[in-house]
């Protein structure tokens, strides 16, 4: 994109000083002729850019000139306005800060880049939570975020699924993750993962901790999600699916049978959880195994038929 190249030329000359057309072409992966045209366009736009001939020549900006745009390409400007999610920022107590930052960046953008950014923000809206998920109350989120940023220990009363449900924990918060509209804090020692909305009480402290130098939040979360999935779906069901029907978690499909149905193996969390899941699929699925799940489904269907008979 031409606008992106023009900004890149400005920033390269601003940060590196004099550069030849060949150097600019190599850096931008374009032809020297394209650089010549871009330089002419910058000059026509009023940018004080000069070319010196000779062995030590090249292009340079007038001494003291600095573009107001520092380090932002067209794609980056668009991404800023696309990624600026006001909901999560507001939850972290940064809603007004984000709005002010976007306003300042927009004001600093050249007209062409400003148009691109406005086009992105007017056509894309990010809404992370699912349709049927109510927003979790996270009154302690700003305090947790502050502790993450400043490396401060937290003392919390936390509600978990296992008994005893309410426990006291000392957390060394390494980072925050927003997943499907729900906030999680990854904290040491361990590290371990905690839902922020399950924090019942929180006390800050002046005690500092050192986050491990080799800790990578993104890498940790990737492994955590994989392990969580493996822990969650420890059992397996063998089912028959109607023609054209698939299942999102199916690990394998058998060849299509004569009536168009086919068998598939589907990881399940438990018989109780799978009961409701397969009932919701109606008549397009038949559970073959495990026997307990098949029997529970048959019993439930008989009860439903009796209830709605007559």
C-alpha atoms as a PDB file:
ATOM      1  CA  UNK A   1       0.000   0.000   0.000  1.00  0.00           C
ATOM      2  CA  UNK A   2       1.462   3.326  -1.102  1.00  0.00           C
ATOM      3  CA  UNK A   3       0.417   5.242   2.025  1.00  0.00           C
ATOM      4  CA  UNK A   4       2.220   2.690   4.192  1.00  0.00           C
ATOM      5  CA  UNK A   5       5.411   3.044   2.114  1.00  0.00           C
ATOM      6  CA  UNK A   6       5.349   6.826   2.329  1.00  0.00           C
ATOM      7  CA  UNK A   7       5.140   6.659   6.120  1.00  0.00           C
ATOM      8  CA  UNK A   8       7.920   4.060   6.177  1.00  0.00           C
ATOM      9  CA  UNK A   9      10.212   6.297   4.112  1.00  0.00           C
ATOM     10  CA  UNK A  10       9.598   9.185   6.495  1.00  0.00           C
ATOM     11  CA  UNK A  11      10.328   7.057   9.538  1.00  0.00           C
ATOM     12  CA  UNK A  12      13.430   5.483   8.039  1.00  0.00           C
ATOM     13  CA  UNK A  13      14.902   8.874   7.183  1.00  0.00           C
ATOM     14  CA  UNK A  14      13.858  10.254  10.539  1.00  0.00           C
ATOM     15  CA  UNK A  15      15.542   7.460  12.495  1.00  0.00           C
ATOM     16  CA  UNK A  16      18.546   6.653  10.273  1.00  0.00           C
ATOM     17  CA  UNK A  17      19.359   9.939   8.628  1.00  0.00           C
ATOM     18  CA  UNK A  18      20.581  10.054   5.024  1.00  0.00           C
ATOM     19  CA  UNK A  19      19.713   6.977   2.898  1.00  0.00           C
ATOM     20  CA  UNK A  20      20.164   6.320  -0.812  1.00  0.00           C
ATOM     21  CA  UNK A  21      17.327   5.293  -3.114  1.00  0.00           C
ATOM     22  CA  UNK A  22      18.890   1.831  -3.360  1.00  0.00           C
ATOM     23  CA  UNK A  23      18.992   1.459   0.436  1.00  0.00           C
ATOM     24  CA  UNK A  24      15.368   2.544   0.740  1.00  0.00           C
ATOM     25  CA  UNK A  25      14.346   0.169  -2.052  1.00  0.00           C
ATOM     26  CA  UNK A  26      16.095  -2.748  -0.342  1.00  0.00           C
ATOM     27  CA  UNK A  27      14.540  -1.909   3.018  1.00  0.00           C
ATOM     28  CA  UNK A  28      11.023  -1.585   1.580  1.00  0.00           C
ATOM     29  CA  UNK A  29      11.407  -4.458  -0.902  1.00  0.00           C
ATOM     30  CA  UNK A  30      10.425  -2.327  -3.899  1.00  0.00           C
ATOM     31  CA  UNK A  31      12.203  -1.063  -6.999  1.00  0.00           C
ATOM     32  CA  UNK A  32      14.408   2.029  -7.032  1.00  0.00           C
ATOM     33  CA  UNK A  33      12.008   3.555  -9.541  1.00  0.00           C
ATOM     34  CA  UNK A  34       9.179   3.141  -7.008  1.00  0.00           C
ATOM     35  CA  UNK A  35      11.271   4.963  -4.414  1.00  0.00           C
ATOM     36  CA  UNK A  36      11.811   7.832  -6.850  1.00  0.00           C
ATOM     37  CA  UNK A  37       8.055   8.141  -7.359  1.00  0.00           C
ATOM     38  CA  UNK A  38       7.369   7.984  -3.605  1.00  0.00           C
ATOM     39  CA  UNK A  39       9.962  10.680  -2.897  1.00  0.00           C
ATOM     40  CA  UNK A  40       8.337  12.915  -5.505  1.00  0.00           C
ATOM     41  CA  UNK A  41       4.952  12.332  -3.836  1.00  0.00           C
ATOM     42  CA  UNK A  42       6.360  13.301  -0.445  1.00  0.00           C
ATOM     43  CA  UNK A  43       7.879  16.447  -1.893  1.00  0.00           C
ATOM     44  CA  UNK A  44       4.592  17.376  -3.540  1.00  0.00           C
ATOM     45  CA  UNK A  45       2.885  16.935  -0.171  1.00  0.00           C
ATOM     46  CA  UNK A  46       5.221  19.524   1.356  1.00  0.00           C
ATOM     47  CA  UNK A  47       7.611  17.223   3.207  1.00  0.00           C
ATOM     48  CA  UNK A  48      11.055  18.942   3.390  1.00  0.00           C
ATOM     49  CA  UNK A  49      13.003  16.073   1.847  1.00  0.00           C
ATOM     50  CA  UNK A  50      16.209  16.699  -0.097  1.00  0.00           C
ATOM     51  CA  UNK A  51      18.390  14.595  -2.368  1.00  0.00           C
ATOM     52  CA  UNK A  52      22.185  14.950  -2.511  1.00  0.00           C
ATOM     53  CA  UNK A  53      24.133  13.705  -5.500  1.00  0.00           C
ATOM     54  CA  UNK A  54      27.511  12.050  -5.414  1.00  0.00           C
ATOM     55  CA  UNK A  55      29.189   9.128  -3.676  1.00  0.00           C
ATOM     56  CA  UNK A  56      28.038  10.207  -0.211  1.00  0.00           C
ATOM     57  CA  UNK A  57      24.651  11.384  -1.457  1.00  0.00           C
ATOM     58  CA  UNK A  58      21.156  10.208  -0.690  1.00  0.00           C
ATOM     59  CA  UNK A  59      17.885  11.476   0.618  1.00  0.00           C
ATOM     60  CA  UNK A  60      17.521  13.268   3.934  1.00  0.00           C
ATOM     61  CA  UNK A  61      14.966  15.314   5.846  1.00  0.00           C
ATOM     62  CA  UNK A  62      15.495  18.963   6.647  1.00  0.00           C
ATOM     63  CA  UNK A  63      17.303  19.282   9.985  1.00  0.00           C
ATOM     64  CA  UNK A  64      14.809  19.551  12.805  1.00  0.00           C
ATOM     65  CA  UNK A  65      11.897  18.120  10.820  1.00  0.00           C
ATOM     66  CA  UNK A  66      10.032  15.283  12.490  1.00  0.00           C
ATOM     67  CA  UNK A  67       6.778  13.763  11.394  1.00  0.00           C
ATOM     68  CA  UNK A  68       4.124  13.732  14.092  1.00  0.00           C
ATOM     69  CA  UNK A  69       3.542  10.042  13.346  1.00  0.00           C
ATOM     70  CA  UNK A  70       6.190   8.033  15.203  1.00  0.00           C
ATOM     71  CA  UNK A  71       6.411   4.439  14.094  1.00  0.00           C
ATOM     72  CA  UNK A  72       2.855   3.776  12.845  1.00  0.00           C
ATOM     73  CA  UNK A  73       2.200   2.261   9.419  1.00  0.00           C
ATOM     74  CA  UNK A  74      -1.195   2.262   7.748  1.00  0.00           C
ATOM     75  CA  UNK A  75      -1.872  -1.334   8.779  1.00  0.00           C
ATOM     76  CA  UNK A  76      -0.752  -0.589  12.336  1.00  0.00           C
ATOM     77  CA  UNK A  77      -2.998   2.454  12.535  1.00  0.00           C
ATOM     78  CA  UNK A  78      -5.931   0.358  11.360  1.00  0.00           C
ATOM     79  CA  UNK A  79      -5.076  -2.404  13.823  1.00  0.00           C
ATOM     80  CA  UNK A  80      -4.949   0.075  16.699  1.00  0.00           C
ATOM     81  CA  UNK A  81      -8.518   1.156  16.088  1.00  0.00           C
ATOM     82  CA  UNK A  82      -9.617  -2.448  15.501  1.00  0.00           C
ATOM     83  CA  UNK A  83      -7.950  -3.796  18.641  1.00  0.00           C
ATOM     84  CA  UNK A  84      -8.969  -0.959  20.913  1.00  0.00           C
ATOM     85  CA  UNK A  85     -11.729  -2.868  22.732  1.00  0.00           C
ATOM     86  CA  UNK A  86     -13.540  -0.320  24.940  1.00  0.00           C
ATOM     87  CA  UNK A  87     -15.280  -2.945  27.080  1.00  0.00           C
ATOM     88  CA  UNK A  88     -12.177  -4.704  28.456  1.00  0.00           C
ATOM     89  CA  UNK A  89     -10.340  -1.385  28.747  1.00  0.00           C
ATOM     90  CA  UNK A  90     -13.171   0.029  30.832  1.00  0.00           C
ATOM     91  CA  UNK A  91     -13.153  -3.057  33.066  1.00  0.00           C
ATOM     92  CA  UNK A  92      -9.459  -2.464  33.714  1.00  0.00           C
ATOM     93  CA  UNK A  93     -10.162   1.172  34.552  1.00  0.00           C
ATOM     94  CA  UNK A  94      -8.532   2.343  31.316  1.00  0.00           C
ATOM     95  CA  UNK A  95     -11.577   3.315  29.280  1.00  0.00           C
ATOM     96  CA  UNK A  96     -10.918   7.057  29.330  1.00  0.00           C
ATOM     97  CA  UNK A  97      -7.192   6.474  28.787  1.00  0.00           C
ATOM     98  CA  UNK A  98      -7.873   4.387  25.686  1.00  0.00           C
ATOM     99  CA  UNK A  99     -10.284   6.966  24.299  1.00  0.00           C
ATOM    100  CA  UNK A 100      -7.762   9.760  24.849  1.00  0.00           C
ATOM    101  CA  UNK A 101      -4.962   7.729  23.253  1.00  0.00           C
ATOM    102  CA  UNK A 102      -7.037   6.936  20.186  1.00  0.00           C
ATOM    103  CA  UNK A 103      -8.036  10.583  19.857  1.00  0.00           C
ATOM    104  CA  UNK A 104      -4.405  11.697  19.986  1.00  0.00           C
ATOM    105  CA  UNK A 105      -3.269   9.052  17.511  1.00  0.00           C
ATOM    106  CA  UNK A 106      -6.091   9.942  15.142  1.00  0.00           C
ATOM    107  CA  UNK A 107      -5.168  13.623  15.310  1.00  0.00           C
ATOM    108  CA  UNK A 108      -1.535  12.785  14.496  1.00  0.00           C
ATOM    109  CA  UNK A 109      -2.388  10.644  11.475  1.00  0.00           C
ATOM    110  CA  UNK A 110      -2.058  12.063   7.977  1.00  0.00           C
ATOM    111  CA  UNK A 111      -5.406  12.450   6.244  1.00  0.00           C
ATOM    112  CA  UNK A 112      -5.064   9.267   4.170  1.00  0.00           C
ATOM    113  CA  UNK A 113      -4.181   7.090   7.170  1.00  0.00           C
ATOM    114  CA  UNK A 114      -6.912   8.726   9.236  1.00  0.00           C
ATOM    115  CA  UNK A 115      -9.420   7.705   6.588  1.00  0.00           C
ATOM    116  CA  UNK A 116      -8.190   4.094   6.755  1.00  0.00           C
ATOM    117  CA  UNK A 117      -8.468   4.032  10.558  1.00  0.00           C
ATOM    118  CA  UNK A 118     -11.975   5.518  10.494  1.00  0.00           C
ATOM    119  CA  UNK A 119     -12.999   2.980   7.860  1.00  0.00           C
ATOM    120  CA  UNK A 120     -11.810   0.095  10.050  1.00  0.00           C
ATOM    121  CA  UNK A 121     -13.487   1.328  13.237  1.00  0.00           C
ATOM    122  CA  UNK A 122     -16.709   1.974  11.325  1.00  0.00           C
ATOM    123  CA  UNK A 123     -16.863  -1.530   9.845  1.00  0.00           C
ATOM    124  CA  UNK A 124     -15.591  -3.852  12.589  1.00  0.00           C
ATOM    125  CA  UNK A 125     -16.727  -4.194  16.190  1.00  0.00           C
ATOM    126  CA  UNK A 126     -15.262  -6.711  18.636  1.00  0.00           C
ATOM    127  CA  UNK A 127     -17.693  -8.302  21.097  1.00  0.00           C
ATOM    128  CA  UNK A 128     -15.942 -11.185  22.842  1.00  0.00           C
ATOM    129  CA  UNK A 129     -18.606 -12.698  25.168  1.00  0.00           C
ATOM    130  CA  UNK A 130     -20.975 -15.366  23.850  1.00  0.00           C
ATOM    131  CA  UNK A 131     -24.655 -14.699  23.208  1.00  0.00           C
ATOM    132  CA  UNK A 132     -25.914 -16.633  26.203  1.00  0.00           C
ATOM    133  CA  UNK A 133     -23.203 -15.681  28.654  1.00  0.00           C
ATOM    134  CA  UNK A 134     -23.997 -12.948  31.127  1.00  0.00           C
ATOM    135  CA  UNK A 135     -21.159 -10.618  31.992  1.00  0.00           C
ATOM    136  CA  UNK A 136     -19.272 -11.699  35.095  1.00  0.00           C
ATOM    137  CA  UNK A 137     -19.017  -9.209  37.935  1.00  0.00           C
ATOM    138  CA  UNK A 138     -15.316  -8.474  38.411  1.00  0.00           C
ATOM    139  CA  UNK A 139     -15.109  -5.707  41.027  1.00  0.00           C
ATOM    140  CA  UNK A 140     -11.512  -6.628  41.904  1.00  0.00           C
ATOM    141  CA  UNK A 141     -10.206  -6.556  38.334  1.00  0.00           C
ATOM    142  CA  UNK A 142      -8.585  -3.070  38.529  1.00  0.00           C
ATOM    143  CA  UNK A 143      -6.807  -4.055  41.762  1.00  0.00           C
ATOM    144  CA  UNK A 144      -5.563  -7.297  40.213  1.00  0.00           C
ATOM    145  CA  UNK A 145      -4.375  -5.432  37.115  1.00  0.00           C
ATOM    146  CA  UNK A 146      -2.532  -2.914  39.279  1.00  0.00           C
ATOM    147  CA  UNK A 147      -0.824  -5.743  41.173  1.00  0.00           C
ATOM    148  CA  UNK A 148       0.167  -7.410  37.876  1.00  0.00           C
ATOM    149  CA  UNK A 149       1.692  -4.185  36.614  1.00  0.00           C
ATOM    150  CA  UNK A 150       3.537  -3.279  39.810  1.00  0.00           C
ATOM    151  CA  UNK A 151       4.594  -6.768  40.888  1.00  0.00           C
ATOM    152  CA  UNK A 152       2.714  -6.726  44.204  1.00  0.00           C
ATOM    153  CA  UNK A 153       1.504  -9.755  46.158  1.00  0.00           C
ATOM    154  CA  UNK A 154      -2.251 -10.198  46.664  1.00  0.00           C
ATOM    155  CA  UNK A 155      -4.083 -11.990  49.460  1.00  0.00           C
ATOM    156  CA  UNK A 156      -7.497 -13.229  48.364  1.00  0.00           C
ATOM    157  CA  UNK A 157     -10.417 -15.331  49.497  1.00  0.00           C
ATOM    158  CA  UNK A 158     -11.282 -17.440  46.493  1.00  0.00           C
ATOM    159  CA  UNK A 159     -14.236 -19.654  45.599  1.00  0.00           C
ATOM    160  CA  UNK A 160     -13.408 -22.881  43.800  1.00  0.00           C
ATOM    161  CA  UNK A 161     -15.413 -25.932  42.710  1.00  0.00           C
ATOM    162  CA  UNK A 162     -13.782 -28.482  45.019  1.00  0.00           C
ATOM    163  CA  UNK A 163     -14.484 -28.620  48.730  1.00  0.00           C
ATOM    164  CA  UNK A 164     -13.746 -26.657  50.773  1.00  0.00           C
ATOM    165  CA  UNK A 165     -15.096 -24.153  48.265  1.00  0.00           C
ATOM    166  CA  UNK A 166     -13.859 -20.941  49.936  1.00  0.00           C
ATOM    167  CA  UNK A 167     -10.096 -20.823  50.456  1.00  0.00           C
ATOM    168  CA  UNK A 168      -7.426 -18.270  51.320  1.00  0.00           C
ATOM    169  CA  UNK A 169      -4.678 -17.794  48.761  1.00  0.00           C
ATOM    170  CA  UNK A 170      -1.505 -15.724  48.431  1.00  0.00           C
ATOM    171  CA  UNK A 171      -1.050 -14.751  44.780  1.00  0.00           C
ATOM    172  CA  UNK A 172       1.936 -13.468  42.862  1.00  0.00           C
ATOM    173  CA  UNK A 173       0.043 -12.215  39.777  1.00  0.00           C
ATOM    174  CA  UNK A 174       2.078 -12.722  36.611  1.00  0.00           C
ATOM    175  CA  UNK A 175      -0.537 -11.676  34.052  1.00  0.00           C
ATOM    176  CA  UNK A 176      -4.191 -11.294  33.047  1.00  0.00           C
ATOM    177  CA  UNK A 177      -5.978 -13.136  30.246  1.00  0.00           C
ATOM    178  CA  UNK A 178      -9.371 -12.299  28.736  1.00  0.00           C
ATOM    179  CA  UNK A 179     -10.961 -15.454  27.327  1.00  0.00           C
ATOM    180  CA  UNK A 180     -14.486 -15.411  25.852  1.00  0.00           C
ATOM    181  CA  UNK A 181     -15.457 -12.411  27.962  1.00  0.00           C
ATOM    182  CA  UNK A 182     -14.082 -13.860  31.204  1.00  0.00           C
ATOM    183  CA  UNK A 183     -10.955 -12.612  33.013  1.00  0.00           C
ATOM    184  CA  UNK A 184      -8.328 -14.979  34.408  1.00  0.00           C
ATOM    185  CA  UNK A 185      -5.256 -14.139  36.469  1.00  0.00           C
ATOM    186  CA  UNK A 186      -2.191 -16.346  36.103  1.00  0.00           C
ATOM    187  CA  UNK A 187      -0.326 -16.285  39.391  1.00  0.00           C
ATOM    188  CA  UNK A 188       2.584 -17.921  41.149  1.00  0.00           C
ATOM    189  CA  UNK A 189       3.797 -19.929  42.765  1.00  0.00           C
ATOM    190  CA  UNK A 190       3.158 -22.619  40.213  1.00  0.00           C
ATOM    191  CA  UNK A 191       1.938 -20.800  38.229  1.00  0.00           C
ATOM    192  CA  UNK A 192      -1.791 -21.484  38.485  1.00  0.00           C
ATOM    193  CA  UNK A 193      -4.884 -19.946  36.904  1.00  0.00           C
ATOM    194  CA  UNK A 194      -7.706 -18.232  38.812  1.00  0.00           C
ATOM    195  CA  UNK A 195     -10.979 -16.720  37.625  1.00  0.00           C
ATOM    196  CA  UNK A 196     -11.095 -13.082  38.660  1.00  0.00           C
ATOM    197  CA  UNK A 197     -14.885 -13.169  39.117  1.00  0.00           C
ATOM    198  CA  UNK A 198     -14.463 -15.893  41.764  1.00  0.00           C
ATOM    199  CA  UNK A 199     -12.379 -13.654  44.025  1.00  0.00           C
ATOM    200  CA  UNK A 200     -14.627 -12.940  47.027  1.00  0.00           C
ATOM    201  CA  UNK A 201     -12.286 -10.682  48.978  1.00  0.00           C
ATOM    202  CA  UNK A 202      -8.979  -9.070  48.104  1.00  0.00           C
ATOM    203  CA  UNK A 203      -6.282  -7.355  50.129  1.00  0.00           C
ATOM    204  CA  UNK A 204      -3.343  -5.597  48.508  1.00  0.00           C
ATOM    205  CA  UNK A 205       0.085  -5.503  50.098  1.00  0.00           C
ATOM    206  CA  UNK A 206       3.409  -3.737  49.764  1.00  0.00           C
ATOM    207  CA  UNK A 207       5.182  -7.080  49.385  1.00  0.00           C
ATOM    208  CA  UNK A 208       6.901  -7.307  46.015  1.00  0.00           C
ATOM    209  CA  UNK A 209       7.689 -10.419  44.000  1.00  0.00           C
ATOM    210  CA  UNK A 210       9.905 -11.144  41.012  1.00  0.00           C
ATOM    211  CA  UNK A 211       8.210 -12.602  37.997  1.00  0.00           C
ATOM    212  CA  UNK A 212      10.359 -15.414  36.518  1.00  0.00           C
ATOM    213  CA  UNK A 213      12.454 -14.100  33.640  1.00  0.00           C
ATOM    214  CA  UNK A 214      11.559 -17.093  31.466  1.00  0.00           C
ATOM    215  CA  UNK A 215       7.808 -16.855  32.025  1.00  0.00           C
ATOM    216  CA  UNK A 216       5.871 -16.327  28.783  1.00  0.00           C
ATOM    217  CA  UNK A 217       2.173 -15.575  29.363  1.00  0.00           C
ATOM    218  CA  UNK A 218       1.104 -16.471  25.818  1.00  0.00           C
ATOM    219  CA  UNK A 219       3.007 -19.764  25.841  1.00  0.00           C
ATOM    220  CA  UNK A 220       1.645 -20.641  29.285  1.00  0.00           C
ATOM    221  CA  UNK A 221      -1.946 -19.972  28.218  1.00  0.00           C
ATOM    222  CA  UNK A 222      -1.581 -22.076  25.071  1.00  0.00           C
ATOM    223  CA  UNK A 223      -0.404 -25.067  27.114  1.00  0.00           C
ATOM    224  CA  UNK A 224      -3.030 -24.433  29.799  1.00  0.00           C
ATOM    225  CA  UNK A 225      -5.863 -24.499  27.250  1.00  0.00           C
ATOM    226  CA  UNK A 226      -4.581 -27.729  25.715  1.00  0.00           C
ATOM    227  CA  UNK A 227      -4.216 -29.418  29.100  1.00  0.00           C
ATOM    228  CA  UNK A 228      -7.615 -28.108  30.219  1.00  0.00           C
ATOM    229  CA  UNK A 229      -9.260 -29.645  27.163  1.00  0.00           C
ATOM    230  CA  UNK A 230      -7.551 -32.971  27.839  1.00  0.00           C
ATOM    231  CA  UNK A 231      -8.610 -32.931  31.513  1.00  0.00           C
ATOM    232  CA  UNK A 232     -12.156 -31.915  30.665  1.00  0.00           C
ATOM    233  CA  UNK A 233     -12.942 -34.579  28.060  1.00  0.00           C
ATOM    234  CA  UNK A 234     -11.537 -37.764  29.588  1.00  0.00           C
ATOM    235  CA  UNK A 235     -14.253 -40.131  28.366  1.00  0.00           C
ATOM    236  CA  UNK A 236     -15.512 -40.982  24.904  1.00  0.00           C
ATOM    237  CA  UNK A 237     -18.847 -41.775  23.278  1.00  0.00           C
ATOM    238  CA  UNK A 238     -19.463 -43.804  20.122  1.00  0.00           C
ATOM    239  CA  UNK A 239     -22.380 -42.295  18.207  1.00  0.00           C
ATOM    240  CA  UNK A 240     -24.224 -42.560  14.889  1.00  0.00           C
ATOM    241  CA  UNK A 241     -24.911 -39.307  13.066  1.00  0.00           C
ATOM    242  CA  UNK A 242     -27.602 -38.622  10.480  1.00  0.00           C
ATOM    243  CA  UNK A 243     -26.599 -37.793   6.891  1.00  0.00           C
ATOM    244  CA  UNK A 244     -24.830 -34.430   6.696  1.00  0.00           C
ATOM    245  CA  UNK A 245     -24.567 -34.054  10.506  1.00  0.00           C
ATOM    246  CA  UNK A 246     -21.168 -33.482  12.132  1.00  0.00           C
ATOM    247  CA  UNK A 247     -19.958 -32.949  15.686  1.00  0.00           C
ATOM    248  CA  UNK A 248     -17.410 -30.282  16.571  1.00  0.00           C
ATOM    249  CA  UNK A 249     -15.433 -32.570  18.917  1.00  0.00           C
ATOM    250  CA  UNK A 250     -15.508 -35.729  16.821  1.00  0.00           C
ATOM    251  CA  UNK A 251     -12.026 -37.252  16.634  1.00  0.00           C
ATOM    252  CA  UNK A 252     -12.808 -39.755  13.869  1.00  0.00           C
ATOM    253  CA  UNK A 253     -15.563 -40.725  11.464  1.00  0.00           C
ATOM    254  CA  UNK A 254     -16.317 -44.182  10.100  1.00  0.00           C
ATOM    255  CA  UNK A 255     -17.303 -44.698   6.446  1.00  0.00           C
ATOM    256  CA  UNK A 256     -20.889 -43.783   5.575  1.00  0.00           C
ATOM    257  CA  UNK A 257     -23.337 -46.649   6.073  1.00  0.00           C
ATOM    258  CA  UNK A 258     -25.942 -47.805   3.606  1.00  0.00           C
ATOM    259  CA  UNK A 259     -28.641 -45.566   5.066  1.00  0.00           C
ATOM    260  CA  UNK A 260     -26.359 -42.518   4.923  1.00  0.00           C
ATOM    261  CA  UNK A 261     -25.592 -42.515   8.651  1.00  0.00           C
ATOM    262  CA  UNK A 262     -22.028 -42.825   9.927  1.00  0.00           C
ATOM    263  CA  UNK A 263     -20.336 -43.526  13.227  1.00  0.00           C
ATOM    264  CA  UNK A 264     -18.060 -41.134  15.058  1.00  0.00           C
ATOM    265  CA  UNK A 265     -16.154 -41.018  18.315  1.00  0.00           C
ATOM    266  CA  UNK A 266     -16.776 -37.924  20.450  1.00  0.00           C
ATOM    267  CA  UNK A 267     -14.832 -36.978  23.621  1.00  0.00           C
ATOM    268  CA  UNK A 268     -17.202 -36.258  26.530  1.00  0.00           C
ATOM    269  CA  UNK A 269     -16.719 -34.681  29.940  1.00  0.00           C
ATOM    270  CA  UNK A 270     -19.045 -37.063  31.812  1.00  0.00           C
ATOM    271  CA  UNK A 271     -22.230 -39.066  31.317  1.00  0.00           C
ATOM    272  CA  UNK A 272     -24.280 -36.361  33.040  1.00  0.00           C
ATOM    273  CA  UNK A 273     -22.903 -33.598  30.808  1.00  0.00           C
ATOM    274  CA  UNK A 274     -23.180 -35.678  27.635  1.00  0.00           C
ATOM    275  CA  UNK A 275     -26.805 -36.573  28.431  1.00  0.00           C
ATOM    276  CA  UNK A 276     -27.998 -33.000  27.993  1.00  0.00           C
ATOM    277  CA  UNK A 277     -25.712 -32.377  25.029  1.00  0.00           C
ATOM    278  CA  UNK A 278     -26.950 -35.331  22.970  1.00  0.00           C
ATOM    279  CA  UNK A 279     -30.580 -34.802  23.982  1.00  0.00           C
ATOM    280  CA  UNK A 280     -30.327 -31.299  22.534  1.00  0.00           C
ATOM    281  CA  UNK A 281     -29.338 -32.797  19.163  1.00  0.00           C
ATOM    282  CA  UNK A 282     -32.662 -34.616  18.923  1.00  0.00           C
ATOM    283  CA  UNK A 283     -33.176 -37.437  16.428  1.00  0.00           C
ATOM    284  CA  UNK A 284     -30.063 -36.784  14.328  1.00  0.00           C
ATOM    285  CA  UNK A 285     -27.824 -38.669  16.749  1.00  0.00           C
ATOM    286  CA  UNK A 286     -27.885 -42.174  18.261  1.00  0.00           C
ATOM    287  CA  UNK A 287     -25.524 -42.996  21.128  1.00  0.00           C
ATOM    288  CA  UNK A 288     -24.091 -46.514  20.964  1.00  0.00           C
ATOM    289  CA  UNK A 289     -21.531 -46.347  23.781  1.00  0.00           C
ATOM    290  CA  UNK A 290     -20.978 -46.103  26.678  1.00  0.00           C
ATOM    291  CA  UNK A 291     -23.927 -48.318  27.726  1.00  0.00           C
ATOM    292  CA  UNK A 292     -24.708 -46.131  30.760  1.00  0.00           C
ATOM    293  CA  UNK A 293     -25.160 -43.046  28.583  1.00  0.00           C
ATOM    294  CA  UNK A 294     -27.324 -44.928  26.067  1.00  0.00           C
ATOM    295  CA  UNK A 295     -29.537 -46.264  28.875  1.00  0.00           C
ATOM    296  CA  UNK A 296     -29.868 -42.818  30.481  1.00  0.00           C
ATOM    297  CA  UNK A 297     -30.874 -41.318  27.141  1.00  0.00           C
ATOM    298  CA  UNK A 298     -33.453 -44.045  26.510  1.00  0.00           C
ATOM    299  CA  UNK A 299     -34.903 -43.625  30.007  1.00  0.00           C
ATOM    300  CA  UNK A 300     -35.151 -39.851  29.596  1.00  0.00           C
ATOM    301  CA  UNK A 301     -36.827 -40.188  26.197  1.00  0.00           C
ATOM    302  CA  UNK A 302     -39.372 -42.647  27.621  1.00  0.00           C
ATOM    303  CA  UNK A 303     -40.186 -40.232  30.458  1.00  0.00           C
ATOM    304  CA  UNK A 304     -40.612 -37.371  27.972  1.00  0.00           C
ATOM    305  CA  UNK A 305     -42.847 -39.487  25.730  1.00  0.00           C
ATOM    306  CA  UNK A 306     -45.027 -40.475  28.676  1.00  0.00           C
ATOM    307  CA  UNK A 307     -45.278 -36.897  29.872  1.00  0.00           C
ATOM    308  CA  UNK A 308     -46.398 -35.606  26.490  1.00  0.00           C
ATOM    309  CA  UNK A 309     -48.638 -38.578  25.591  1.00  0.00           C
ATOM    310  CA  UNK A 310     -52.293 -37.776  24.968  1.00  0.00           C
END
